[in-house]
Amino acid sequence: MYIGIDVSKDRLDVHIRPTGEAFSVTRDETGLGELVTRLGVVGPALIVLEATGGFETIVATTLAAEGLPLAVINPRQIRAFAQACGQLAKTDALDAAIIALRGSRAATATRRS
């Protein structure tokens, strides 16, 4: 399972690949607790989120403290990847899905090396 998280000031949009499950939580203590619980059950191979002006810091810190596999990537790389995939529309939910896809592709490329 690969998880993509689109981080904004008040909310986290989450996409689970390959199931397609999507949900959102608030970017506060309550929401982060729910996120950790839900992702702990899923057992992800990798959780990927964009670096978004510091809003990602508390999310990354929380997930790392729980021992969950995590990568924080440059948003320009995600945008370029989305465009290369033909994904021109931009919403938080679509961004979370493309971030999850990027995580799965990166993991596959790494395993082949």
PDB file of N, CA and C in Angstrom:
ATOM      1  N   MET A   1       0.843  -1.175   0.000  1.00  0.00           N
ATOM      2  CA  MET A   1       0.000   0.000   0.000  1.00  0.00           C
ATOM      3  C   MET A   1       0.893   1.245   0.000  1.00  0.00           C
ATOM      4  N   TYR A   2       0.532   2.197  -0.814  1.00  0.00           N
ATOM      5  CA  TYR A   2       1.245   3.465  -0.906  1.00  0.00           C
ATOM      6  C   TYR A   2       0.257   4.573  -0.585  1.00  0.00           C
ATOM      7  N   ILE A   3       0.678   5.470   0.277  1.00  0.00           N
ATOM      8  CA  ILE A   3      -0.195   6.529   0.753  1.00  0.00           C
ATOM      9  C   ILE A   3       0.316   7.861   0.239  1.00  0.00           C
ATOM     10  N   GLY A   4      -0.577   8.649  -0.346  1.00  0.00           N
ATOM     11  CA  GLY A   4      -0.261  10.019  -0.739  1.00  0.00           C
ATOM     12  C   GLY A   4      -1.036  10.966   0.153  1.00  0.00           C
ATOM     13  N   ILE A   5      -0.346  11.973   0.673  1.00  0.00           N
ATOM     14  CA  ILE A   5      -1.013  12.952   1.532  1.00  0.00           C
ATOM     15  C   ILE A   5      -0.772  14.345   0.979  1.00  0.00           C
ATOM     16  N   ASP A   6      -1.865  15.030   0.652  1.00  0.00           N
ATOM     17  CA  ASP A   6      -1.794  16.431   0.256  1.00  0.00           C
ATOM     18  C   ASP A   6      -2.008  17.257   1.518  1.00  0.00           C
ATOM     19  N   VAL A   7      -1.024  18.066   1.856  1.00  0.00           N
ATOM     20  CA  VAL A   7      -1.039  18.829   3.098  1.00  0.00           C
ATOM     21  C   VAL A   7      -1.459  20.264   2.821  1.00  0.00           C
ATOM     22  N   SER A   8      -2.418  20.749   3.573  1.00  0.00           N
ATOM     23  CA  SER A   8      -2.784  22.166   3.525  1.00  0.00           C
ATOM     24  C   SER A   8      -2.808  22.702   4.949  1.00  0.00           C
ATOM     25  N   LYS A   9      -3.112  23.957   5.074  1.00  0.00           N
ATOM     26  CA  LYS A   9      -3.053  24.611   6.385  1.00  0.00           C
ATOM     27  C   LYS A   9      -3.951  23.928   7.421  1.00  0.00           C
ATOM     28  N   ASP A  10      -5.150  23.569   7.017  1.00  0.00           N
ATOM     29  CA  ASP A  10      -6.124  23.045   7.974  1.00  0.00           C
ATOM     30  C   ASP A  10      -6.476  21.574   7.794  1.00  0.00           C
ATOM     31  N   ARG A  11      -6.069  20.981   6.658  1.00  0.00           N
ATOM     32  CA  ARG A  11      -6.574  19.648   6.341  1.00  0.00           C
ATOM     33  C   ARG A  11      -5.519  18.806   5.634  1.00  0.00           C
ATOM     34  N   LEU A  12      -5.657  17.489   5.801  1.00  0.00           N
ATOM     35  CA  LEU A  12      -4.838  16.514   5.097  1.00  0.00           C
ATOM     36  C   LEU A  12      -5.759  15.663   4.239  1.00  0.00           C
ATOM     37  N   ASP A  13      -5.513  15.651   2.933  1.00  0.00           N
ATOM     38  CA  ASP A  13      -6.249  14.769   2.038  1.00  0.00           C
ATOM     39  C   ASP A  13      -5.375  13.552   1.799  1.00  0.00           C
ATOM     40  N   VAL A  14      -5.942  12.378   2.000  1.00  0.00           N
ATOM     41  CA  VAL A  14      -5.187  11.125   1.975  1.00  0.00           C
ATOM     42  C   VAL A  14      -5.749  10.218   0.894  1.00  0.00           C
ATOM     43  N   HIS A  15      -4.833   9.576   0.149  1.00  0.00           N
ATOM     44  CA  HIS A  15      -5.226   8.608  -0.877  1.00  0.00           C
ATOM     45  C   HIS A  15      -4.406   7.343  -0.670  1.00  0.00           C
ATOM     46  N   ILE A  16      -5.084   6.199  -0.675  1.00  0.00           N
ATOM     47  CA  ILE A  16      -4.417   4.908  -0.501  1.00  0.00           C
ATOM     48  C   ILE A  16      -4.409   4.183  -1.839  1.00  0.00           C
ATOM     49  N   ARG A  17      -3.238   3.794  -2.232  1.00  0.00           N
ATOM     50  CA  ARG A  17      -3.054   3.084  -3.497  1.00  0.00           C
ATOM     51  C   ARG A  17      -2.606   1.668  -3.199  1.00  0.00           C
ATOM     52  N   PRO A  18      -3.170   0.657  -3.756  1.00  0.00           N
ATOM     53  CA  PRO A  18      -3.999   0.632  -4.948  1.00  0.00           C
ATOM     54  C   PRO A  18      -5.510   0.579  -4.697  1.00  0.00           C
ATOM     55  N   THR A  19      -5.956   0.607  -3.472  1.00  0.00           N
ATOM     56  CA  THR A  19      -7.391   0.447  -3.203  1.00  0.00           C
ATOM     57  C   THR A  19      -8.226   1.626  -3.681  1.00  0.00           C
ATOM     58  N   GLY A  20      -7.609   2.815  -3.744  1.00  0.00           N
ATOM     59  CA  GLY A  20      -8.352   4.002  -4.142  1.00  0.00           C
ATOM     60  C   GLY A  20      -9.107   4.655  -2.997  1.00  0.00           C
ATOM     61  N   GLU A  21      -8.986   4.090  -1.798  1.00  0.00           N
ATOM     62  CA  GLU A  21      -9.651   4.696  -0.647  1.00  0.00           C
ATOM     63  C   GLU A  21      -9.100   6.101  -0.437  1.00  0.00           C
ATOM     64  N   ALA A  22      -9.990   7.030  -0.152  1.00  0.00           N
ATOM     65  CA  ALA A  22      -9.588   8.412   0.087  1.00  0.00           C
ATOM     66  C   ALA A  22     -10.368   8.962   1.277  1.00  0.00           C
ATOM     67  N   PHE A  23      -9.703   9.779   2.057  1.00  0.00           N
ATOM     68  CA  PHE A  23     -10.354  10.423   3.191  1.00  0.00           C
ATOM     69  C   PHE A  23      -9.566  11.677   3.547  1.00  0.00           C
ATOM     70  N   SER A  24     -10.131  12.489   4.395  1.00  0.00           N
ATOM     71  CA  SER A  24      -9.410  13.666   4.870  1.00  0.00           C
ATOM     72  C   SER A  24      -9.559  13.758   6.384  1.00  0.00           C
ATOM     73  N   VAL A  25      -8.555  14.371   6.997  1.00  0.00           N
ATOM     74  CA  VAL A  25      -8.562  14.624   8.435  1.00  0.00           C
ATOM     75  C   VAL A  25      -8.073  16.046   8.639  1.00  0.00           C
ATOM     76  N   THR A  26      -8.361  16.574   9.803  1.00  0.00           N
ATOM     77  CA  THR A  26      -7.869  17.902  10.121  1.00  0.00           C
ATOM     78  C   THR A  26      -6.383  17.837  10.460  1.00  0.00           C
ATOM     79  N   ARG A  27      -5.684  18.940  10.197  1.00  0.00           N
ATOM     80  CA  ARG A  27      -4.245  18.987  10.484  1.00  0.00           C
ATOM     81  C   ARG A  27      -4.052  19.554  11.899  1.00  0.00           C
ATOM     82  N   ASP A  28      -4.557  18.800  12.861  1.00  0.00           N
ATOM     83  CA  ASP A  28      -4.411  19.142  14.271  1.00  0.00           C
ATOM     84  C   ASP A  28      -4.197  17.848  15.046  1.00  0.00           C
ATOM     85  N   GLU A  29      -4.113  17.932  16.347  1.00  0.00           N
ATOM     86  CA  GLU A  29      -3.830  16.758  17.167  1.00  0.00           C
ATOM     87  C   GLU A  29      -4.856  15.645  16.956  1.00  0.00           C
ATOM     88  N   THR A  30      -6.124  16.001  16.898  1.00  0.00           N
ATOM     89  CA  THR A  30      -7.181  15.014  16.711  1.00  0.00           C
ATOM     90  C   THR A  30      -7.058  14.331  15.351  1.00  0.00           C
ATOM     91  N   GLY A  31      -6.901  15.130  14.310  1.00  0.00           N
ATOM     92  CA  GLY A  31      -6.784  14.579  12.965  1.00  0.00           C
ATOM     93  C   GLY A  31      -5.544  13.724  12.788  1.00  0.00           C
ATOM     94  N   LEU A  32      -4.428  14.173  13.358  1.00  0.00           N
ATOM     95  CA  LEU A  32      -3.195  13.393  13.258  1.00  0.00           C
ATOM     96  C   LEU A  32      -3.320  12.064  13.991  1.00  0.00           C
ATOM     97  N   GLY A  33      -4.012  12.062  15.115  1.00  0.00           N
ATOM     98  CA  GLY A  33      -4.257  10.814  15.839  1.00  0.00           C
ATOM     99  C   GLY A  33      -5.077   9.848  15.004  1.00  0.00           C
ATOM    100  N   GLU A  34      -6.115  10.364  14.350  1.00  0.00           N
ATOM    101  CA  GLU A  34      -6.936   9.523  13.473  1.00  0.00           C
ATOM    102  C   GLU A  34      -6.103   9.002  12.301  1.00  0.00           C
ATOM    103  N   LEU A  35      -5.264   9.862  11.733  1.00  0.00           N
ATOM    104  CA  LEU A  35      -4.411   9.464  10.616  1.00  0.00           C
ATOM    105  C   LEU A  35      -3.484   8.321  11.004  1.00  0.00           C
ATOM    106  N   VAL A  36      -2.814   8.455  12.134  1.00  0.00           N
ATOM    107  CA  VAL A  36      -1.890   7.413  12.596  1.00  0.00           C
ATOM    108  C   VAL A  36      -2.634   6.096  12.810  1.00  0.00           C
ATOM    109  N   THR A  37      -3.800   6.159  13.407  1.00  0.00           N
ATOM    110  CA  THR A  37      -4.590   4.952  13.653  1.00  0.00           C
ATOM    111  C   THR A  37      -4.977   4.274  12.344  1.00  0.00           C
ATOM    112  N   ARG A  38      -5.499   5.052  11.409  1.00  0.00           N
ATOM    113  CA  ARG A  38      -5.947   4.473  10.139  1.00  0.00           C
ATOM    114  C   ARG A  38      -4.784   3.921   9.324  1.00  0.00           C
ATOM    115  N   LEU A  39      -3.668   4.641   9.297  1.00  0.00           N
ATOM    116  CA  LEU A  39      -2.528   4.172   8.509  1.00  0.00           C
ATOM    117  C   LEU A  39      -1.829   2.990   9.177  1.00  0.00           C
ATOM    118  N   GLY A  40      -1.868   2.950  10.503  1.00  0.00           N
ATOM    119  CA  GLY A  40      -1.288   1.810  11.211  1.00  0.00           C
ATOM    120  C   GLY A  40      -1.977   0.512  10.855  1.00  0.00           C
ATOM    121  N   VAL A  41      -3.285   0.560  10.638  1.00  0.00           N
ATOM    122  CA  VAL A  41      -4.059  -0.616  10.253  1.00  0.00           C
ATOM    123  C   VAL A  41      -3.724  -1.035   8.819  1.00  0.00           C
ATOM    124  N   VAL A  42      -3.508  -0.066   7.951  1.00  0.00           N
ATOM    125  CA  VAL A  42      -3.218  -0.331   6.538  1.00  0.00           C
ATOM    126  C   VAL A  42      -1.849  -0.986   6.362  1.00  0.00           C
ATOM    127  N   GLY A  43      -0.873  -0.585   7.163  1.00  0.00           N
ATOM    128  CA  GLY A  43       0.481  -1.113   7.034  1.00  0.00           C
ATOM    129  C   GLY A  43       1.145  -0.694   5.737  1.00  0.00           C
ATOM    130  N   PRO A  44       1.296   0.609   5.500  1.00  0.00           N
ATOM    131  CA  PRO A  44       1.820   1.086   4.221  1.00  0.00           C
ATOM    132  C   PRO A  44       3.281   0.730   3.980  1.00  0.00           C
ATOM    133  N   ALA A  45       3.597   0.516   2.696  1.00  0.00           N
ATOM    134  CA  ALA A  45       4.995   0.342   2.290  1.00  0.00           C
ATOM    135  C   ALA A  45       5.697   1.693   2.315  1.00  0.00           C
ATOM    136  N   LEU A  46       4.952   2.757   1.975  1.00  0.00           N
ATOM    137  CA  LEU A  46       5.514   4.104   1.950  1.00  0.00           C
ATOM    138  C   LEU A  46       4.408   5.134   2.031  1.00  0.00           C
ATOM    139  N   ILE A  47       4.651   6.173   2.809  1.00  0.00           N
ATOM    140  CA  ILE A  47       3.765   7.327   2.888  1.00  0.00           C
ATOM    141  C   ILE A  47       4.532   8.498   2.288  1.00  0.00           C
ATOM    142  N   VAL A  48       3.917   9.183   1.342  1.00  0.00           N
ATOM    143  CA  VAL A  48       4.578  10.297   0.669  1.00  0.00           C
ATOM    144  C   VAL A  48       3.751  11.557   0.865  1.00  0.00           C
ATOM    145  N   LEU A  49       4.427  12.651   1.199  1.00  0.00           N
ATOM    146  CA  LEU A  49       3.772  13.940   1.269  1.00  0.00           C
ATOM    147  C   LEU A  49       4.687  15.014   0.711  1.00  0.00           C
ATOM    148  N   GLU A  50       4.075  16.104   0.266  1.00  0.00           N
ATOM    149  CA  GLU A  50       4.828  17.220  -0.294  1.00  0.00           C
ATOM    150  C   GLU A  50       5.342  18.122   0.812  1.00  0.00           C
ATOM    151  N   ALA A  51       6.481  18.725   0.563  1.00  0.00           N
ATOM    152  CA  ALA A  51       6.955  19.810   1.421  1.00  0.00           C
ATOM    153  C   ALA A  51       6.113  21.033   1.063  1.00  0.00           C
ATOM    154  N   THR A  52       5.360  21.549   2.012  1.00  0.00           N
ATOM    155  CA  THR A  52       4.429  22.646   1.717  1.00  0.00           C
ATOM    156  C   THR A  52       4.614  23.803   2.679  1.00  0.00           C
ATOM    157  N   GLY A  53       5.739  24.450   2.591  1.00  0.00           N
ATOM    158  CA  GLY A  53       5.968  25.663   3.369  1.00  0.00           C
ATOM    159  C   GLY A  53       5.964  25.465   4.864  1.00  0.00           C
ATOM    160  N   GLY A  54       6.288  24.283   5.328  1.00  0.00           N
ATOM    161  CA  GLY A  54       6.352  24.014   6.760  1.00  0.00           C
ATOM    162  C   GLY A  54       5.117  23.344   7.329  1.00  0.00           C
ATOM    163  N   PHE A  55       3.989  23.381   6.601  1.00  0.00           N
ATOM    164  CA  PHE A  55       2.773  22.728   7.098  1.00  0.00           C
ATOM    165  C   PHE A  55       2.957  21.229   7.237  1.00  0.00           C
ATOM    166  N   GLU A  56       3.894  20.665   6.472  1.00  0.00           N
ATOM    167  CA  GLU A  56       4.126  19.219   6.507  1.00  0.00           C
ATOM    168  C   GLU A  56       4.931  18.771   7.716  1.00  0.00           C
ATOM    169  N   THR A  57       5.597  19.683   8.400  1.00  0.00           N
ATOM    170  CA  THR A  57       6.521  19.324   9.470  1.00  0.00           C
ATOM    171  C   THR A  57       5.857  18.522  10.582  1.00  0.00           C
ATOM    172  N   ILE A  58       4.731  18.986  11.078  1.00  0.00           N
ATOM    173  CA  ILE A  58       4.055  18.288  12.181  1.00  0.00           C
ATOM    174  C   ILE A  58       3.549  16.920  11.708  1.00  0.00           C
ATOM    175  N   VAL A  59       3.133  16.838  10.451  1.00  0.00           N
ATOM    176  CA  VAL A  59       2.656  15.564   9.904  1.00  0.00           C
ATOM    177  C   VAL A  59       3.816  14.576   9.817  1.00  0.00           C
ATOM    178  N   ALA A  60       4.919  15.019   9.226  1.00  0.00           N
ATOM    179  CA  ALA A  60       6.089  14.148   9.073  1.00  0.00           C
ATOM    180  C   ALA A  60       6.635  13.719  10.433  1.00  0.00           C
ATOM    181  N   THR A  61       6.700  14.635  11.358  1.00  0.00           N
ATOM    182  CA  THR A  61       7.200  14.324  12.703  1.00  0.00           C
ATOM    183  C   THR A  61       6.309  13.290  13.386  1.00  0.00           C
ATOM    184  N   THR A  62       5.018  13.459  13.271  1.00  0.00           N
ATOM    185  CA  THR A  62       4.071  12.532  13.900  1.00  0.00           C
ATOM    186  C   THR A  62       4.187  11.137  13.291  1.00  0.00           C
ATOM    187  N   LEU A  63       4.227  11.061  11.971  1.00  0.00           N
ATOM    188  CA  LEU A  63       4.315   9.760  11.308  1.00  0.00           C
ATOM    189  C   LEU A  63       5.645   9.072  11.597  1.00  0.00           C
ATOM    190  N   ALA A  64       6.729   9.839  11.568  1.00  0.00           N
ATOM    191  CA  ALA A  64       8.053   9.272  11.852  1.00  0.00           C
ATOM    192  C   ALA A  64       8.135   8.771  13.291  1.00  0.00           C
ATOM    193  N   ALA A  65       7.531   9.494  14.226  1.00  0.00           N
ATOM    194  CA  ALA A  65       7.550   9.076  15.631  1.00  0.00           C
ATOM    195  C   ALA A  65       6.836   7.741  15.826  1.00  0.00           C
ATOM    196  N   GLU A  66       5.893   7.443  14.937  1.00  0.00           N
ATOM    197  CA  GLU A  66       5.166   6.172  15.002  1.00  0.00           C
ATOM    198  C   GLU A  66       5.880   5.057  14.235  1.00  0.00           C
ATOM    199  N   GLY A  67       7.019   5.388  13.637  1.00  0.00           N
ATOM    200  CA  GLY A  67       7.788   4.385  12.899  1.00  0.00           C
ATOM    201  C   GLY A  67       7.217   4.051  11.533  1.00  0.00           C
ATOM    202  N   LEU A  68       6.373   4.902  11.003  1.00  0.00           N
ATOM    203  CA  LEU A  68       5.789   4.660   9.690  1.00  0.00           C
ATOM    204  C   LEU A  68       6.765   5.098   8.595  1.00  0.00           C
ATOM    205  N   PRO A  69       6.852   4.355   7.491  1.00  0.00           N
ATOM    206  CA  PRO A  69       7.786   4.685   6.403  1.00  0.00           C
ATOM    207  C   PRO A  69       7.344   5.958   5.691  1.00  0.00           C
ATOM    208  N   LEU A  70       8.242   6.899   5.546  1.00  0.00           N
ATOM    209  CA  LEU A  70       7.858   8.238   5.124  1.00  0.00           C
ATOM    210  C   LEU A  70       8.864   8.843   4.166  1.00  0.00           C
ATOM    211  N   ALA A  71       8.347   9.579   3.181  1.00  0.00           N
ATOM    212  CA  ALA A  71       9.185  10.391   2.293  1.00  0.00           C
ATOM    213  C   ALA A  71       8.496  11.737   2.104  1.00  0.00           C
ATOM    214  N   VAL A  72       9.266  12.799   2.242  1.00  0.00           N
ATOM    215  CA  VAL A  72       8.784  14.155   1.977  1.00  0.00           C
ATOM    216  C   VAL A  72       9.473  14.612   0.700  1.00  0.00           C
ATOM    217  N   ILE A  73       8.668  14.994  -0.290  1.00  0.00           N
ATOM    218  CA  ILE A  73       9.261  15.339  -1.576  1.00  0.00           C
ATOM    219  C   ILE A  73       8.917  16.758  -2.010  1.00  0.00           C
ATOM    220  N   ASN A  74       9.689  17.242  -2.948  1.00  0.00           N
ATOM    221  CA  ASN A  74       9.557  18.584  -3.479  1.00  0.00           C
ATOM    222  C   ASN A  74       8.269  18.696  -4.295  1.00  0.00           C
ATOM    223  N   PRO A  75       7.448  19.714  -4.045  1.00  0.00           N
ATOM    224  CA  PRO A  75       6.196  19.849  -4.786  1.00  0.00           C
ATOM    225  C   PRO A  75       6.390  20.045  -6.292  1.00  0.00           C
ATOM    226  N   ARG A  76       7.499  20.614  -6.701  1.00  0.00           N
ATOM    227  CA  ARG A  76       7.753  20.767  -8.139  1.00  0.00           C
ATOM    228  C   ARG A  76       7.895  19.408  -8.817  1.00  0.00           C
ATOM    229  N   GLN A  77       8.477  18.442  -8.096  1.00  0.00           N
ATOM    230  CA  GLN A  77       8.605  17.098  -8.653  1.00  0.00           C
ATOM    231  C   GLN A  77       7.232  16.442  -8.823  1.00  0.00           C
ATOM    232  N   ILE A  78       6.360  16.656  -7.860  1.00  0.00           N
ATOM    233  CA  ILE A  78       5.003  16.105  -7.956  1.00  0.00           C
ATOM    234  C   ILE A  78       4.254  16.742  -9.112  1.00  0.00           C
ATOM    235  N   ARG A  79       4.364  18.062  -9.254  1.00  0.00           N
ATOM    236  CA  ARG A  79       3.673  18.759 -10.343  1.00  0.00           C
ATOM    237  C   ARG A  79       4.172  18.257 -11.692  1.00  0.00           C
ATOM    238  N   ALA A  80       5.479  18.107 -11.838  1.00  0.00           N
ATOM    239  CA  ALA A  80       6.048  17.617 -13.092  1.00  0.00           C
ATOM    240  C   ALA A  80       5.588  16.185 -13.366  1.00  0.00           C
ATOM    241  N   PHE A  81       5.558  15.361 -12.322  1.00  0.00           N
ATOM    242  CA  PHE A  81       5.092  13.977 -12.471  1.00  0.00           C
ATOM    243  C   PHE A  81       3.629  13.956 -12.900  1.00  0.00           C
ATOM    244  N   ALA A  82       2.798  14.793 -12.276  1.00  0.00           N
ATOM    245  CA  ALA A  82       1.373  14.855 -12.626  1.00  0.00           C
ATOM    246  C   ALA A  82       1.203  15.258 -14.085  1.00  0.00           C
ATOM    247  N   GLN A  83       1.947  16.249 -14.524  1.00  0.00           N
ATOM    248  CA  GLN A  83       1.856  16.693 -15.915  1.00  0.00           C
ATOM    249  C   GLN A  83       2.309  15.588 -16.864  1.00  0.00           C
ATOM    250  N   ALA A  84       3.377  14.876 -16.494  1.00  0.00           N
ATOM    251  CA  ALA A  84       3.864  13.774 -17.328  1.00  0.00           C
ATOM    252  C   ALA A  84       2.830  12.655 -17.436  1.00  0.00           C
ATOM    253  N   CYS A  85       2.001  12.508 -16.404  1.00  0.00           N
ATOM    254  CA  CYS A  85       0.940  11.500 -16.412  1.00  0.00           C
ATOM    255  C   CYS A  85      -0.334  12.007 -17.084  1.00  0.00           C
ATOM    256  N   GLY A  86      -0.308  13.274 -17.523  1.00  0.00           N
ATOM    257  CA  GLY A  86      -1.481  13.860 -18.162  1.00  0.00           C
ATOM    258  C   GLY A  86      -2.498  14.410 -17.187  1.00  0.00           C
ATOM    259  N   GLN A  87      -2.130  14.519 -15.926  1.00  0.00           N
ATOM    260  CA  GLN A  87      -3.036  15.024 -14.894  1.00  0.00           C
ATOM    261  C   GLN A  87      -2.859  16.536 -14.796  1.00  0.00           C
ATOM    262  N   LEU A  88      -3.714  17.279 -15.494  1.00  0.00           N
ATOM    263  CA  LEU A  88      -3.588  18.727 -15.507  1.00  0.00           C
ATOM    264  C   LEU A  88      -4.483  19.398 -14.474  1.00  0.00           C
ATOM    265  N   ALA A  89      -5.600  18.766 -14.149  1.00  0.00           N
ATOM    266  CA  ALA A  89      -6.485  19.317 -13.124  1.00  0.00           C
ATOM    267  C   ALA A  89      -5.780  19.266 -11.782  1.00  0.00           C
ATOM    268  N   LYS A  90      -6.129  20.201 -10.896  1.00  0.00           N
ATOM    269  CA  LYS A  90      -5.445  20.276  -9.609  1.00  0.00           C
ATOM    270  C   LYS A  90      -6.466  20.536  -8.506  1.00  0.00           C
ATOM    271  N   THR A  91      -6.720  19.494  -7.721  1.00  0.00           N
ATOM    272  CA  THR A  91      -7.515  19.626  -6.501  1.00  0.00           C
ATOM    273  C   THR A  91      -6.759  18.887  -5.415  1.00  0.00           C
ATOM    274  N   ASP A  92      -7.111  19.100  -4.172  1.00  0.00           N
ATOM    275  CA  ASP A  92      -6.417  18.420  -3.079  1.00  0.00           C
ATOM    276  C   ASP A  92      -6.550  16.896  -3.195  1.00  0.00           C
ATOM    277  N   ALA A  93      -7.743  16.425  -3.536  1.00  0.00           N
ATOM    278  CA  ALA A  93      -7.953  14.977  -3.655  1.00  0.00           C
ATOM    279  C   ALA A  93      -7.151  14.398  -4.822  1.00  0.00           C
ATOM    280  N   LEU A  94      -7.132  15.089  -5.953  1.00  0.00           N
ATOM    281  CA  LEU A  94      -6.336  14.628  -7.096  1.00  0.00           C
ATOM    282  C   LEU A  94      -4.847  14.655  -6.768  1.00  0.00           C
ATOM    283  N   ASP A  95      -4.418  15.690  -6.055  1.00  0.00           N
ATOM    284  CA  ASP A  95      -3.016  15.776  -5.662  1.00  0.00           C
ATOM    285  C   ASP A  95      -2.624  14.605  -4.771  1.00  0.00           C
ATOM    286  N   ALA A  96      -3.484  14.239  -3.822  1.00  0.00           N
ATOM    287  CA  ALA A  96      -3.186  13.104  -2.942  1.00  0.00           C
ATOM    288  C   ALA A  96      -3.054  11.823  -3.757  1.00  0.00           C
ATOM    289  N   ALA A  97      -3.910  11.648  -4.750  1.00  0.00           N
ATOM    290  CA  ALA A  97      -3.850  10.445  -5.594  1.00  0.00           C
ATOM    291  C   ALA A  97      -2.563  10.407  -6.412  1.00  0.00           C
ATOM    292  N   ILE A  98      -2.156  11.543  -6.973  1.00  0.00           N
ATOM    293  CA  ILE A  98      -0.938  11.557  -7.787  1.00  0.00           C
ATOM    294  C   ILE A  98       0.296  11.401  -6.908  1.00  0.00           C
ATOM    295  N   ILE A  99       0.243  11.901  -5.679  1.00  0.00           N
ATOM    296  CA  ILE A  99       1.354  11.713  -4.738  1.00  0.00           C
ATOM    297  C   ILE A  99       1.500  10.228  -4.397  1.00  0.00           C
ATOM    298  N   ALA A 100       0.377   9.543  -4.181  1.00  0.00           N
ATOM    299  CA  ALA A 100       0.426   8.096  -3.910  1.00  0.00           C
ATOM    300  C   ALA A 100       0.988   7.341  -5.108  1.00  0.00           C
ATOM    301  N   LEU A 101       0.557   7.727  -6.295  1.00  0.00           N
ATOM    302  CA  LEU A 101       1.074   7.086  -7.500  1.00  0.00           C
ATOM    303  C   LEU A 101       2.577   7.317  -7.626  1.00  0.00           C
ATOM    304  N   ARG A 102       3.018   8.526  -7.374  1.00  0.00           N
ATOM    305  CA  ARG A 102       4.453   8.840  -7.435  1.00  0.00           C
ATOM    306  C   ARG A 102       5.233   7.986  -6.436  1.00  0.00           C
ATOM    307  N   GLY A 103       4.690   7.812  -5.245  1.00  0.00           N
ATOM    308  CA  GLY A 103       5.344   6.969  -4.243  1.00  0.00           C
ATOM    309  C   GLY A 103       5.461   5.531  -4.694  1.00  0.00           C
ATOM    310  N   SER A 104       4.417   5.014  -5.322  1.00  0.00           N
ATOM    311  CA  SER A 104       4.465   3.621  -5.789  1.00  0.00           C
ATOM    312  C   SER A 104       5.456   3.467  -6.931  1.00  0.00           C
ATOM    313  N   ARG A 105       5.544   4.432  -7.793  1.00  0.00           N
ATOM    314  CA  ARG A 105       6.488   4.374  -8.917  1.00  0.00           C
ATOM    315  C   ARG A 105       7.924   4.501  -8.434  1.00  0.00           C
ATOM    316  N   ALA A 106       8.163   5.366  -7.476  1.00  0.00           N
ATOM    317  CA  ALA A 106       9.513   5.537  -6.940  1.00  0.00           C
ATOM    318  C   ALA A 106       9.963   4.258  -6.246  1.00  0.00           C
ATOM    319  N   ALA A 107       9.078   3.641  -5.499  1.00  0.00           N
ATOM    320  CA  ALA A 107       9.417   2.408  -4.784  1.00  0.00           C
ATOM    321  C   ALA A 107       9.716   1.286  -5.771  1.00  0.00           C
ATOM    322  N   THR A 108       8.947   1.206  -6.852  1.00  0.00           N
ATOM    323  CA  THR A 108       9.179   0.180  -7.863  1.00  0.00           C
ATOM    324  C   THR A 108      10.527   0.389  -8.540  1.00  0.00           C
ATOM    325  N   ALA A 109      10.838   1.633  -8.869  1.00  0.00           N
ATOM    326  CA  ALA A 109      12.125   1.937  -9.519  1.00  0.00           C
ATOM    327  C   ALA A 109      13.300   1.622  -8.583  1.00  0.00           C
ATOM    328  N   THR A 110      13.131   1.880  -7.311  1.00  0.00           N
ATOM    329  CA  THR A 110      14.194   1.609  -6.342  1.00  0.00           C
ATOM    330  C   THR A 110      14.435   0.114  -6.219  1.00  0.00           C
ATOM    331  N   ARG A 111      13.382  -0.689  -6.194  1.00  0.00           N
ATOM    332  CA  ARG A 111      13.530  -2.134  -6.049  1.00  0.00           C
ATOM    333  C   ARG A 111      14.201  -2.759  -7.262  1.00  0.00           C
ATOM    334  N   ARG A 112      14.061  -2.164  -8.419  1.00  0.00           N
ATOM    335  CA  ARG A 112      14.663  -2.707  -9.630  1.00  0.00           C
ATOM    336  C   ARG A 112      16.154  -2.420  -9.685  1.00  0.00           C
ATOM    337  N   SER A 113      16.604  -1.444  -8.965  1.00  0.00           N
ATOM    338  CA  SER A 113      18.022  -1.043  -9.030  1.00  0.00           C
ATOM    339  C   SER A 113      18.928  -2.082  -8.429  1.00  0.00           C
TER     340      SER A 113
END
